[in-house]
N, C-alpha and C. Protein backbone atom coordinates (compact mmCIF):
# COMPACT_ATOMS: atom_id res chain seq x y z
N MET A 1 8.62 -21.40 -28.24
CA MET A 1 8.86 -21.61 -26.80
C MET A 1 7.66 -22.33 -26.19
N PRO A 2 7.84 -23.41 -25.47
CA PRO A 2 6.73 -24.10 -24.84
C PRO A 2 6.14 -23.28 -23.71
N VAL A 3 4.84 -23.40 -23.51
CA VAL A 3 4.16 -22.68 -22.44
C VAL A 3 3.86 -23.64 -21.30
N ASN A 4 4.13 -23.22 -20.10
CA ASN A 4 3.81 -24.02 -18.93
C ASN A 4 2.29 -24.18 -18.84
N VAL A 5 1.79 -25.41 -19.02
CA VAL A 5 0.34 -25.62 -19.09
C VAL A 5 -0.33 -25.40 -17.75
N GLN A 6 0.44 -25.24 -16.71
CA GLN A 6 -0.16 -25.00 -15.40
C GLN A 6 -0.58 -23.54 -15.21
N ARG A 7 -0.03 -22.63 -16.02
CA ARG A 7 -0.35 -21.21 -15.85
C ARG A 7 -0.65 -20.58 -17.20
N THR A 8 -1.77 -20.93 -17.76
CA THR A 8 -2.08 -20.48 -19.11
C THR A 8 -3.33 -19.62 -19.20
N ASN A 9 -3.82 -19.13 -18.08
CA ASN A 9 -5.00 -18.26 -18.08
C ASN A 9 -4.64 -16.85 -17.62
N LEU A 10 -5.49 -15.91 -17.96
CA LEU A 10 -5.39 -14.55 -17.45
C LEU A 10 -6.63 -14.27 -16.61
N TYR A 11 -6.41 -13.81 -15.39
CA TYR A 11 -7.51 -13.49 -14.48
C TYR A 11 -7.52 -11.98 -14.22
N LEU A 12 -8.67 -11.37 -14.44
CA LEU A 12 -8.80 -9.94 -14.19
C LEU A 12 -9.51 -9.71 -12.86
N THR A 13 -8.88 -8.94 -12.00
CA THR A 13 -9.47 -8.61 -10.72
C THR A 13 -9.60 -7.10 -10.59
N GLY A 14 -10.34 -6.68 -9.59
CA GLY A 14 -10.57 -5.27 -9.38
C GLY A 14 -11.92 -5.06 -8.73
N PHE A 15 -12.16 -3.83 -8.33
CA PHE A 15 -13.39 -3.52 -7.59
C PHE A 15 -14.59 -3.46 -8.53
N LEU A 16 -15.76 -3.33 -7.95
CA LEU A 16 -16.99 -3.12 -8.70
C LEU A 16 -16.81 -1.98 -9.70
N ALA A 17 -17.21 -2.22 -10.96
CA ALA A 17 -17.15 -1.23 -12.03
C ALA A 17 -15.73 -0.90 -12.48
N ALA A 18 -14.78 -1.77 -12.15
CA ALA A 18 -13.40 -1.56 -12.63
C ALA A 18 -13.28 -1.84 -14.12
N GLY A 19 -14.23 -2.59 -14.68
CA GLY A 19 -14.21 -2.90 -16.10
C GLY A 19 -13.76 -4.31 -16.42
N LYS A 20 -13.83 -5.20 -15.44
CA LYS A 20 -13.31 -6.55 -15.63
C LYS A 20 -14.01 -7.29 -16.78
N SER A 21 -15.32 -7.19 -16.85
CA SER A 21 -16.07 -7.93 -17.87
C SER A 21 -15.87 -7.34 -19.26
N THR A 22 -15.97 -6.02 -19.37
CA THR A 22 -15.83 -5.40 -20.69
C THR A 22 -14.39 -5.48 -21.20
N VAL A 23 -13.43 -5.23 -20.31
CA VAL A 23 -12.03 -5.35 -20.71
C VAL A 23 -11.69 -6.81 -21.01
N GLY A 24 -12.21 -7.71 -20.19
CA GLY A 24 -11.93 -9.13 -20.41
C GLY A 24 -12.39 -9.61 -21.77
N ALA A 25 -13.58 -9.20 -22.16
CA ALA A 25 -14.10 -9.60 -23.47
C ALA A 25 -13.23 -9.05 -24.60
N GLU A 26 -12.81 -7.78 -24.47
CA GLU A 26 -11.97 -7.16 -25.49
C GLU A 26 -10.58 -7.81 -25.52
N LEU A 27 -10.04 -8.10 -24.35
CA LEU A 27 -8.72 -8.73 -24.28
C LEU A 27 -8.76 -10.12 -24.91
N ALA A 28 -9.81 -10.88 -24.61
CA ALA A 28 -9.94 -12.21 -25.19
C ALA A 28 -10.04 -12.13 -26.72
N ARG A 29 -10.74 -11.12 -27.20
CA ARG A 29 -10.85 -10.93 -28.65
C ARG A 29 -9.48 -10.66 -29.26
N LYS A 30 -8.70 -9.81 -28.61
CA LYS A 30 -7.38 -9.47 -29.14
C LYS A 30 -6.45 -10.67 -29.14
N LEU A 31 -6.55 -11.50 -28.11
CA LEU A 31 -5.66 -12.65 -27.99
C LEU A 31 -6.18 -13.89 -28.71
N ASP A 32 -7.46 -13.83 -29.12
CA ASP A 32 -8.13 -14.99 -29.70
C ASP A 32 -8.21 -16.12 -28.67
N TRP A 33 -8.55 -15.72 -27.45
CA TRP A 33 -8.76 -16.66 -26.35
C TRP A 33 -10.25 -16.71 -26.02
N ARG A 34 -10.62 -17.65 -25.19
CA ARG A 34 -12.00 -17.71 -24.69
C ARG A 34 -12.15 -16.77 -23.49
N PHE A 35 -13.36 -16.25 -23.32
CA PHE A 35 -13.63 -15.33 -22.21
C PHE A 35 -14.71 -15.91 -21.32
N TYR A 36 -14.49 -15.80 -20.00
CA TYR A 36 -15.46 -16.25 -19.01
C TYR A 36 -15.62 -15.19 -17.94
N ASP A 37 -16.86 -14.92 -17.58
CA ASP A 37 -17.19 -13.99 -16.51
C ASP A 37 -17.70 -14.82 -15.34
N LEU A 38 -16.98 -14.79 -14.22
CA LEU A 38 -17.31 -15.66 -13.09
C LEU A 38 -18.72 -15.39 -12.56
N ASP A 39 -19.08 -14.13 -12.42
CA ASP A 39 -20.43 -13.80 -11.94
C ASP A 39 -21.49 -14.33 -12.90
N ALA A 40 -21.26 -14.14 -14.20
CA ALA A 40 -22.23 -14.60 -15.20
C ALA A 40 -22.36 -16.12 -15.19
N LEU A 41 -21.24 -16.81 -14.97
CA LEU A 41 -21.29 -18.27 -14.90
C LEU A 41 -22.12 -18.73 -13.70
N MET A 42 -21.99 -18.03 -12.59
CA MET A 42 -22.77 -18.37 -11.40
C MET A 42 -24.26 -18.12 -11.65
N GLU A 43 -24.55 -17.01 -12.29
CA GLU A 43 -25.96 -16.68 -12.58
C GLU A 43 -26.57 -17.70 -13.53
N THR A 44 -25.80 -18.12 -14.53
CA THR A 44 -26.29 -19.12 -15.48
C THR A 44 -26.51 -20.46 -14.79
N ARG A 45 -25.59 -20.81 -13.90
CA ARG A 45 -25.68 -22.11 -13.22
C ARG A 45 -26.98 -22.21 -12.41
N LEU A 46 -27.36 -21.12 -11.74
CA LEU A 46 -28.53 -21.16 -10.86
C LEU A 46 -29.77 -20.49 -11.46
N GLY A 47 -29.59 -19.80 -12.58
CA GLY A 47 -30.73 -19.15 -13.21
C GLY A 47 -31.26 -17.96 -12.46
N LYS A 48 -30.39 -17.27 -11.71
CA LYS A 48 -30.81 -16.06 -11.02
C LYS A 48 -29.60 -15.17 -10.79
N SER A 49 -29.88 -13.91 -10.46
CA SER A 49 -28.82 -12.91 -10.34
C SER A 49 -27.94 -13.17 -9.12
N VAL A 50 -26.75 -12.56 -9.15
CA VAL A 50 -25.85 -12.64 -8.01
C VAL A 50 -26.55 -12.15 -6.75
N GLU A 51 -27.29 -11.05 -6.88
CA GLU A 51 -27.99 -10.50 -5.72
C GLU A 51 -28.99 -11.50 -5.14
N ARG A 52 -29.72 -12.17 -6.01
CA ARG A 52 -30.70 -13.16 -5.55
C ARG A 52 -30.02 -14.37 -4.94
N ILE A 53 -28.91 -14.78 -5.52
CA ILE A 53 -28.18 -15.92 -4.95
C ILE A 53 -27.77 -15.61 -3.51
N LEU A 54 -27.21 -14.41 -3.32
CA LEU A 54 -26.80 -14.01 -1.97
C LEU A 54 -27.98 -13.92 -1.02
N ALA A 55 -29.05 -13.27 -1.48
CA ALA A 55 -30.21 -13.04 -0.61
C ALA A 55 -30.93 -14.33 -0.26
N GLU A 56 -31.02 -15.24 -1.21
CA GLU A 56 -31.82 -16.45 -1.00
C GLU A 56 -31.01 -17.64 -0.49
N GLU A 57 -29.74 -17.69 -0.84
CA GLU A 57 -28.93 -18.86 -0.47
C GLU A 57 -27.91 -18.57 0.62
N GLY A 58 -27.54 -17.30 0.78
CA GLY A 58 -26.60 -16.93 1.82
C GLY A 58 -25.17 -16.85 1.33
N GLU A 59 -24.34 -16.18 2.13
CA GLU A 59 -22.95 -15.92 1.78
C GLU A 59 -22.13 -17.21 1.66
N ALA A 60 -22.33 -18.14 2.59
CA ALA A 60 -21.53 -19.37 2.58
C ALA A 60 -21.79 -20.17 1.31
N PHE A 61 -23.06 -20.30 0.94
CA PHE A 61 -23.40 -21.02 -0.29
C PHE A 61 -22.79 -20.32 -1.50
N TYR A 62 -22.91 -19.01 -1.52
CA TYR A 62 -22.39 -18.21 -2.63
C TYR A 62 -20.89 -18.45 -2.83
N ARG A 63 -20.14 -18.38 -1.75
CA ARG A 63 -18.69 -18.54 -1.85
C ARG A 63 -18.29 -19.97 -2.22
N THR A 64 -19.06 -20.93 -1.75
CA THR A 64 -18.79 -22.32 -2.12
C THR A 64 -19.01 -22.53 -3.61
N LEU A 65 -20.12 -22.01 -4.12
CA LEU A 65 -20.41 -22.11 -5.55
C LEU A 65 -19.37 -21.37 -6.37
N GLU A 66 -18.99 -20.18 -5.92
CA GLU A 66 -17.97 -19.40 -6.62
C GLU A 66 -16.68 -20.19 -6.74
N HIS A 67 -16.26 -20.81 -5.66
CA HIS A 67 -15.01 -21.58 -5.68
C HIS A 67 -15.13 -22.79 -6.61
N GLU A 68 -16.28 -23.44 -6.58
CA GLU A 68 -16.48 -24.62 -7.43
C GLU A 68 -16.37 -24.25 -8.91
N ILE A 69 -17.01 -23.14 -9.30
CA ILE A 69 -16.97 -22.73 -10.70
C ILE A 69 -15.58 -22.23 -11.07
N LEU A 70 -14.93 -21.51 -10.17
CA LEU A 70 -13.57 -21.05 -10.44
C LEU A 70 -12.63 -22.24 -10.62
N ARG A 71 -12.81 -23.28 -9.83
CA ARG A 71 -11.98 -24.48 -9.96
C ARG A 71 -12.17 -25.10 -11.34
N GLU A 72 -13.41 -25.15 -11.82
CA GLU A 72 -13.69 -25.70 -13.15
C GLU A 72 -13.00 -24.87 -14.23
N VAL A 73 -13.10 -23.55 -14.11
CA VAL A 73 -12.51 -22.67 -15.10
C VAL A 73 -10.98 -22.76 -15.06
N SER A 74 -10.43 -22.93 -13.87
CA SER A 74 -8.96 -22.97 -13.73
C SER A 74 -8.34 -24.16 -14.44
N LEU A 75 -9.14 -25.15 -14.76
CA LEU A 75 -8.64 -26.34 -15.45
C LEU A 75 -8.54 -26.12 -16.96
N LEU A 76 -9.10 -25.01 -17.43
CA LEU A 76 -9.04 -24.69 -18.86
C LEU A 76 -7.68 -24.09 -19.19
N HIS A 77 -7.42 -23.90 -20.46
CA HIS A 77 -6.18 -23.29 -20.90
C HIS A 77 -6.48 -22.14 -21.84
N PHE A 78 -5.68 -21.10 -21.76
CA PHE A 78 -5.81 -19.95 -22.64
C PHE A 78 -7.20 -19.33 -22.56
N ALA A 79 -7.57 -18.95 -21.36
CA ALA A 79 -8.85 -18.29 -21.11
C ALA A 79 -8.60 -16.98 -20.37
N VAL A 80 -9.40 -15.98 -20.71
CA VAL A 80 -9.43 -14.73 -19.96
C VAL A 80 -10.64 -14.81 -19.04
N VAL A 81 -10.42 -14.60 -17.74
CA VAL A 81 -11.48 -14.79 -16.76
C VAL A 81 -11.67 -13.51 -15.95
N ALA A 82 -12.89 -12.98 -15.96
CA ALA A 82 -13.23 -11.83 -15.12
C ALA A 82 -13.71 -12.37 -13.78
N LEU A 83 -12.96 -12.07 -12.72
CA LEU A 83 -13.33 -12.51 -11.37
C LEU A 83 -14.35 -11.57 -10.77
N GLY A 84 -15.02 -12.03 -9.71
CA GLY A 84 -15.88 -11.15 -8.95
C GLY A 84 -15.02 -10.19 -8.13
N ALA A 85 -15.60 -9.08 -7.73
CA ALA A 85 -14.85 -8.06 -6.99
C ALA A 85 -14.29 -8.60 -5.68
N GLY A 86 -14.98 -9.57 -5.07
CA GLY A 86 -14.52 -10.10 -3.79
C GLY A 86 -13.97 -11.51 -3.85
N THR A 87 -13.80 -12.04 -5.06
CA THR A 87 -13.36 -13.43 -5.22
C THR A 87 -12.05 -13.73 -4.49
N LEU A 88 -11.09 -12.83 -4.60
CA LEU A 88 -9.75 -13.09 -4.05
C LEU A 88 -9.70 -12.97 -2.53
N GLY A 89 -10.78 -12.51 -1.92
CA GLY A 89 -10.82 -12.41 -0.47
C GLY A 89 -10.85 -13.77 0.21
N HIS A 90 -10.99 -14.82 -0.58
CA HIS A 90 -11.04 -16.18 -0.05
C HIS A 90 -9.79 -16.91 -0.52
N GLU A 91 -8.95 -17.28 0.41
CA GLU A 91 -7.62 -17.79 0.11
C GLU A 91 -7.60 -18.94 -0.89
N PRO A 92 -8.54 -19.91 -0.82
CA PRO A 92 -8.51 -20.98 -1.81
C PRO A 92 -8.67 -20.47 -3.25
N ASN A 93 -9.44 -19.39 -3.42
CA ASN A 93 -9.60 -18.82 -4.75
C ASN A 93 -8.30 -18.20 -5.25
N LEU A 94 -7.64 -17.47 -4.37
CA LEU A 94 -6.36 -16.85 -4.74
C LEU A 94 -5.34 -17.92 -5.11
N LYS A 95 -5.35 -19.02 -4.38
CA LYS A 95 -4.42 -20.12 -4.66
C LYS A 95 -4.69 -20.71 -6.05
N LEU A 96 -5.95 -20.93 -6.39
CA LEU A 96 -6.31 -21.45 -7.70
C LEU A 96 -5.83 -20.52 -8.81
N VAL A 97 -6.07 -19.23 -8.62
CA VAL A 97 -5.69 -18.24 -9.63
C VAL A 97 -4.18 -18.24 -9.82
N LYS A 98 -3.44 -18.22 -8.74
CA LYS A 98 -1.99 -18.16 -8.82
C LYS A 98 -1.39 -19.41 -9.46
N GLU A 99 -2.04 -20.54 -9.25
CA GLU A 99 -1.53 -21.80 -9.79
C GLU A 99 -1.84 -21.98 -11.27
N SER A 100 -2.87 -21.30 -11.76
CA SER A 100 -3.33 -21.59 -13.12
C SER A 100 -3.20 -20.42 -14.09
N GLY A 101 -2.72 -19.27 -13.62
CA GLY A 101 -2.60 -18.17 -14.56
C GLY A 101 -1.94 -16.94 -13.98
N LEU A 102 -2.09 -15.87 -14.72
CA LEU A 102 -1.52 -14.58 -14.36
C LEU A 102 -2.64 -13.66 -13.90
N LEU A 103 -2.41 -12.95 -12.82
CA LEU A 103 -3.43 -12.08 -12.24
C LEU A 103 -3.19 -10.64 -12.64
N VAL A 104 -4.25 -9.99 -13.13
CA VAL A 104 -4.19 -8.60 -13.58
C VAL A 104 -5.17 -7.77 -12.77
N TRP A 105 -4.69 -6.71 -12.15
CA TRP A 105 -5.54 -5.81 -11.37
C TRP A 105 -5.89 -4.59 -12.21
N LEU A 106 -7.17 -4.38 -12.43
CA LEU A 106 -7.65 -3.17 -13.08
C LEU A 106 -7.94 -2.15 -11.98
N ARG A 107 -7.01 -1.25 -11.78
CA ARG A 107 -7.09 -0.30 -10.68
C ARG A 107 -7.76 1.00 -11.13
N ALA A 108 -8.50 1.62 -10.21
CA ALA A 108 -9.11 2.92 -10.48
C ALA A 108 -9.35 3.62 -9.15
N ALA A 109 -9.36 4.94 -9.19
CA ALA A 109 -9.60 5.73 -7.98
C ALA A 109 -11.05 5.57 -7.53
N PRO A 110 -11.31 5.75 -6.22
CA PRO A 110 -12.68 5.60 -5.72
C PRO A 110 -13.70 6.45 -6.46
N ASP A 111 -13.38 7.70 -6.76
CA ASP A 111 -14.33 8.55 -7.48
C ASP A 111 -14.64 8.00 -8.86
N THR A 112 -13.63 7.46 -9.52
CA THR A 112 -13.84 6.87 -10.84
C THR A 112 -14.74 5.64 -10.75
N LEU A 113 -14.50 4.80 -9.76
CA LEU A 113 -15.32 3.61 -9.57
C LEU A 113 -16.77 4.00 -9.25
N TRP A 114 -16.94 5.02 -8.43
CA TRP A 114 -18.28 5.49 -8.09
C TRP A 114 -19.01 5.96 -9.34
N ASN A 115 -18.36 6.79 -10.13
CA ASN A 115 -19.01 7.34 -11.33
C ASN A 115 -19.38 6.24 -12.32
N ARG A 116 -18.49 5.27 -12.49
CA ARG A 116 -18.78 4.17 -13.40
C ARG A 116 -19.95 3.33 -12.90
N ALA A 117 -19.94 3.01 -11.60
CA ALA A 117 -21.01 2.20 -11.03
C ALA A 117 -22.35 2.93 -11.13
N GLU A 118 -22.32 4.23 -10.94
CA GLU A 118 -23.54 5.01 -11.04
C GLU A 118 -24.07 5.02 -12.47
N GLN A 119 -23.16 5.14 -13.42
CA GLN A 119 -23.56 5.19 -14.84
C GLN A 119 -24.22 3.91 -15.31
N VAL A 120 -23.76 2.77 -14.79
CA VAL A 120 -24.33 1.49 -15.23
C VAL A 120 -25.29 0.91 -14.20
N ASP A 121 -25.73 1.75 -13.27
CA ASP A 121 -26.74 1.37 -12.29
C ASP A 121 -26.34 0.12 -11.49
N ARG A 122 -25.14 0.18 -10.91
CA ARG A 122 -24.67 -0.96 -10.13
C ARG A 122 -24.31 -0.60 -8.69
N LEU A 123 -24.67 0.59 -8.26
CA LEU A 123 -24.36 0.99 -6.89
C LEU A 123 -25.06 0.09 -5.87
N HIS A 124 -26.19 -0.49 -6.26
CA HIS A 124 -26.91 -1.36 -5.33
C HIS A 124 -26.09 -2.58 -4.93
N ARG A 125 -25.06 -2.91 -5.72
CA ARG A 125 -24.25 -4.09 -5.39
C ARG A 125 -23.28 -3.82 -4.25
N LEU A 126 -23.22 -2.57 -3.79
CA LEU A 126 -22.42 -2.27 -2.60
C LEU A 126 -23.13 -2.73 -1.33
N GLN A 127 -24.41 -2.98 -1.44
CA GLN A 127 -25.21 -3.41 -0.29
C GLN A 127 -25.29 -4.93 -0.28
N ASN A 128 -24.94 -5.54 0.83
CA ASN A 128 -25.03 -6.99 0.97
C ASN A 128 -26.45 -7.36 1.40
N PRO A 129 -27.22 -8.02 0.52
CA PRO A 129 -28.62 -8.31 0.84
C PRO A 129 -28.80 -9.30 1.98
N VAL A 130 -27.73 -10.00 2.34
CA VAL A 130 -27.82 -10.97 3.43
C VAL A 130 -27.86 -10.27 4.78
N VAL A 131 -26.94 -9.33 4.98
CA VAL A 131 -26.83 -8.67 6.28
C VAL A 131 -27.44 -7.28 6.29
N GLU A 132 -27.78 -6.76 5.11
CA GLU A 132 -28.35 -5.41 5.02
C GLU A 132 -29.58 -5.41 4.11
N PRO A 133 -30.61 -6.17 4.46
CA PRO A 133 -31.81 -6.21 3.63
C PRO A 133 -32.56 -4.89 3.69
N GLY A 134 -33.44 -4.71 2.74
CA GLY A 134 -34.25 -3.49 2.74
C GLY A 134 -33.85 -2.54 1.63
N PRO A 135 -34.41 -1.34 1.65
CA PRO A 135 -34.13 -0.35 0.60
C PRO A 135 -32.65 0.02 0.55
N MET A 136 -32.20 0.45 -0.62
CA MET A 136 -30.81 0.84 -0.77
C MET A 136 -30.53 2.09 0.05
N PRO A 137 -29.43 2.10 0.81
CA PRO A 137 -29.08 3.27 1.63
C PRO A 137 -28.77 4.49 0.76
N GLY A 138 -28.56 5.62 1.43
CA GLY A 138 -28.28 6.86 0.72
C GLY A 138 -26.85 6.95 0.23
N GLU A 139 -26.54 8.06 -0.44
CA GLU A 139 -25.25 8.23 -1.09
C GLU A 139 -24.08 8.23 -0.12
N VAL A 140 -24.25 8.90 1.03
CA VAL A 140 -23.14 8.97 2.00
C VAL A 140 -22.74 7.57 2.45
N TRP A 141 -23.73 6.76 2.79
CA TRP A 141 -23.46 5.39 3.24
C TRP A 141 -22.79 4.59 2.14
N LEU A 142 -23.29 4.73 0.91
CA LEU A 142 -22.75 3.97 -0.21
C LEU A 142 -21.31 4.36 -0.52
N ARG A 143 -21.02 5.66 -0.46
CA ARG A 143 -19.64 6.11 -0.71
C ARG A 143 -18.69 5.58 0.37
N GLU A 144 -19.13 5.62 1.60
CA GLU A 144 -18.29 5.09 2.68
C GLU A 144 -18.08 3.59 2.52
N ARG A 145 -19.13 2.88 2.10
CA ARG A 145 -19.00 1.44 1.88
C ARG A 145 -18.02 1.15 0.76
N LEU A 146 -18.11 1.89 -0.33
CA LEU A 146 -17.19 1.70 -1.45
C LEU A 146 -15.75 1.85 -0.99
N GLU A 147 -15.48 2.92 -0.26
CA GLU A 147 -14.10 3.18 0.16
C GLU A 147 -13.60 2.15 1.16
N SER A 148 -14.48 1.71 2.08
CA SER A 148 -14.06 0.73 3.08
C SER A 148 -13.83 -0.65 2.44
N LEU A 149 -14.69 -1.04 1.51
CA LEU A 149 -14.51 -2.32 0.83
C LEU A 149 -13.26 -2.30 -0.03
N LEU A 150 -13.05 -1.19 -0.73
CA LEU A 150 -11.86 -1.08 -1.58
C LEU A 150 -10.60 -1.18 -0.74
N GLU A 151 -10.58 -0.50 0.39
CA GLU A 151 -9.41 -0.56 1.28
C GLU A 151 -9.17 -1.98 1.79
N ALA A 152 -10.26 -2.68 2.12
CA ALA A 152 -10.13 -4.03 2.65
C ALA A 152 -9.65 -5.02 1.59
N ARG A 153 -10.02 -4.77 0.34
CA ARG A 153 -9.69 -5.72 -0.73
C ARG A 153 -8.38 -5.42 -1.44
N GLU A 154 -7.85 -4.24 -1.29
CA GLU A 154 -6.63 -3.88 -2.01
C GLU A 154 -5.45 -4.82 -1.72
N PRO A 155 -5.30 -5.33 -0.49
CA PRO A 155 -4.20 -6.29 -0.27
C PRO A 155 -4.30 -7.53 -1.16
N PHE A 156 -5.53 -7.94 -1.46
CA PHE A 156 -5.70 -9.09 -2.36
C PHE A 156 -5.43 -8.68 -3.80
N TYR A 157 -5.93 -7.53 -4.19
CA TYR A 157 -5.68 -7.05 -5.55
C TYR A 157 -4.18 -6.86 -5.79
N ASN A 158 -3.48 -6.49 -4.74
CA ASN A 158 -2.03 -6.24 -4.85
C ASN A 158 -1.22 -7.51 -5.10
N GLN A 159 -1.88 -8.66 -5.07
CA GLN A 159 -1.21 -9.91 -5.40
C GLN A 159 -0.97 -10.03 -6.90
N ALA A 160 -1.55 -9.12 -7.67
CA ALA A 160 -1.47 -9.20 -9.13
C ALA A 160 -0.05 -9.01 -9.65
N GLU A 161 0.26 -9.74 -10.71
CA GLU A 161 1.55 -9.57 -11.39
C GLU A 161 1.54 -8.36 -12.31
N ILE A 162 0.35 -8.01 -12.79
CA ILE A 162 0.20 -6.85 -13.68
C ILE A 162 -0.85 -5.93 -13.09
N VAL A 163 -0.54 -4.64 -13.02
CA VAL A 163 -1.48 -3.63 -12.53
C VAL A 163 -1.64 -2.57 -13.61
N VAL A 164 -2.88 -2.29 -13.97
CA VAL A 164 -3.16 -1.26 -14.97
C VAL A 164 -4.10 -0.23 -14.35
N ASP A 165 -3.67 1.03 -14.32
CA ASP A 165 -4.54 2.11 -13.86
C ASP A 165 -5.48 2.46 -15.00
N THR A 166 -6.76 2.20 -14.82
CA THR A 166 -7.74 2.37 -15.90
C THR A 166 -8.35 3.76 -15.95
N THR A 167 -7.97 4.62 -15.03
CA THR A 167 -8.56 5.97 -14.98
C THR A 167 -8.33 6.71 -16.29
N GLY A 168 -9.41 7.15 -16.89
CA GLY A 168 -9.32 7.94 -18.11
C GLY A 168 -9.05 7.14 -19.37
N LEU A 169 -9.01 5.81 -19.25
CA LEU A 169 -8.73 4.97 -20.41
C LEU A 169 -10.00 4.30 -20.93
N SER A 170 -10.05 4.09 -22.23
CA SER A 170 -11.15 3.35 -22.83
C SER A 170 -10.93 1.86 -22.62
N VAL A 171 -11.95 1.07 -22.88
CA VAL A 171 -11.83 -0.38 -22.78
C VAL A 171 -10.70 -0.88 -23.67
N GLU A 172 -10.64 -0.40 -24.89
CA GLU A 172 -9.59 -0.83 -25.82
C GLU A 172 -8.21 -0.41 -25.32
N ASP A 173 -8.11 0.80 -24.74
CA ASP A 173 -6.83 1.26 -24.21
C ASP A 173 -6.33 0.34 -23.10
N VAL A 174 -7.25 -0.07 -22.23
CA VAL A 174 -6.86 -0.94 -21.11
C VAL A 174 -6.41 -2.30 -21.64
N ALA A 175 -7.16 -2.84 -22.58
CA ALA A 175 -6.78 -4.13 -23.16
C ALA A 175 -5.41 -4.05 -23.82
N GLU A 176 -5.16 -2.96 -24.52
CA GLU A 176 -3.86 -2.77 -25.16
C GLU A 176 -2.75 -2.67 -24.13
N ALA A 177 -3.03 -1.99 -23.01
CA ALA A 177 -2.03 -1.86 -21.95
C ALA A 177 -1.67 -3.22 -21.37
N ILE A 178 -2.67 -4.08 -21.22
CA ILE A 178 -2.41 -5.42 -20.70
C ILE A 178 -1.55 -6.22 -21.68
N VAL A 179 -1.88 -6.12 -22.96
CA VAL A 179 -1.09 -6.82 -23.98
C VAL A 179 0.36 -6.35 -23.94
N ARG A 180 0.57 -5.04 -23.77
CA ARG A 180 1.94 -4.53 -23.68
C ARG A 180 2.66 -5.12 -22.49
N GLU A 181 1.95 -5.23 -21.36
CA GLU A 181 2.57 -5.81 -20.17
C GLU A 181 2.91 -7.29 -20.40
N LEU A 182 2.09 -7.98 -21.16
CA LEU A 182 2.35 -9.39 -21.42
C LEU A 182 3.60 -9.61 -22.26
N ARG A 183 4.04 -8.57 -22.93
CA ARG A 183 5.30 -8.67 -23.67
C ARG A 183 6.49 -8.75 -22.71
N GLU A 184 6.26 -8.30 -21.45
CA GLU A 184 7.34 -8.28 -20.46
C GLU A 184 7.24 -9.43 -19.46
N VAL A 185 6.02 -9.91 -19.22
CA VAL A 185 5.82 -10.98 -18.24
C VAL A 185 4.95 -12.04 -18.88
N ASP A 186 5.49 -13.22 -19.13
CA ASP A 186 4.68 -14.26 -19.75
C ASP A 186 3.95 -15.06 -18.67
N LEU A 187 3.12 -16.00 -19.07
CA LEU A 187 2.29 -16.73 -18.12
C LEU A 187 3.09 -17.68 -17.23
N ARG A 188 4.35 -17.85 -17.51
CA ARG A 188 5.18 -18.66 -16.62
C ARG A 188 5.78 -17.82 -15.51
N GLY A 189 5.49 -16.52 -15.52
CA GLY A 189 5.98 -15.65 -14.47
C GLY A 189 7.38 -15.17 -14.70
N GLU A 190 7.92 -15.34 -15.92
CA GLU A 190 9.27 -14.90 -16.21
C GLU A 190 9.24 -13.58 -16.95
N THR A 191 10.21 -12.73 -16.67
CA THR A 191 10.28 -11.46 -17.37
C THR A 191 11.13 -11.57 -18.62
N GLY A 192 10.90 -10.64 -19.52
CA GLY A 192 11.74 -10.55 -20.70
C GLY A 192 11.33 -11.45 -21.84
N SER A 193 10.26 -12.22 -21.72
CA SER A 193 9.83 -13.09 -22.80
C SER A 193 8.67 -12.47 -23.54
N THR A 194 8.68 -12.55 -24.85
CA THR A 194 7.58 -12.01 -25.66
C THR A 194 6.96 -13.11 -26.51
N GLU A 195 7.17 -14.38 -26.14
CA GLU A 195 6.77 -15.44 -27.04
C GLU A 195 5.63 -16.31 -26.49
N LEU A 196 4.81 -15.77 -25.64
CA LEU A 196 3.61 -16.46 -25.22
C LEU A 196 2.73 -16.68 -26.44
N ARG A 197 2.21 -17.91 -26.62
CA ARG A 197 1.51 -18.17 -27.87
C ARG A 197 0.15 -18.83 -27.63
N LEU A 198 -0.77 -18.48 -28.49
CA LEU A 198 -2.04 -19.18 -28.60
C LEU A 198 -2.57 -18.87 -29.99
N ASN A 199 -2.71 -19.87 -30.80
CA ASN A 199 -3.18 -19.68 -32.18
C ASN A 199 -2.36 -18.58 -32.86
N GLY A 200 -1.08 -18.52 -32.56
CA GLY A 200 -0.24 -17.47 -33.13
C GLY A 200 0.55 -16.77 -32.05
N THR A 201 0.81 -15.50 -32.20
CA THR A 201 1.61 -14.76 -31.24
C THR A 201 0.79 -13.64 -30.63
N LEU A 202 1.32 -13.08 -29.59
CA LEU A 202 0.70 -11.89 -29.02
C LEU A 202 0.69 -10.78 -30.08
N PRO A 203 -0.38 -9.99 -30.13
CA PRO A 203 -0.43 -8.90 -31.10
C PRO A 203 0.72 -7.94 -30.89
């Protein structure tokens, strides 16, 4: 079966610590596709962390760069792409994703996201260094920020064609769940097809 070359990528979305990068790498391995992490690509492009880019260059620059790199990646075929937690909040990014691939939301409860972020020392990313410089706020503030940001972004995450609840699942379990969903929805957006191909067939 021929594949529509306009929609041949998989984009993983979700909140901070949802597992986009780790699941994306595992999923790409299973599919024998290339994997790209949007945040990592931005950091490599400028030679500094996402936090430093925001703090030193500002939000507008950050979003412009993010869109530019996402546009470059969207021109590829058969790639698994881990998006930033807030990437889809900008309509041009959502349009690029929808035009070039299938969107997958890695969903998790707020408590699960908090525990994961705490374990990998990423709670500081809840603080925007542009508008909230200074020491990291306390736990109450951070928990409220997590919940408010998640609520604000869920309408964008809900644009996904595939939703996987990652609570209690390992990285491999989540990747397997996505592969199972791909047996029902191919990259052309049609249901009932199991013949999406790249260097062979879906596992």
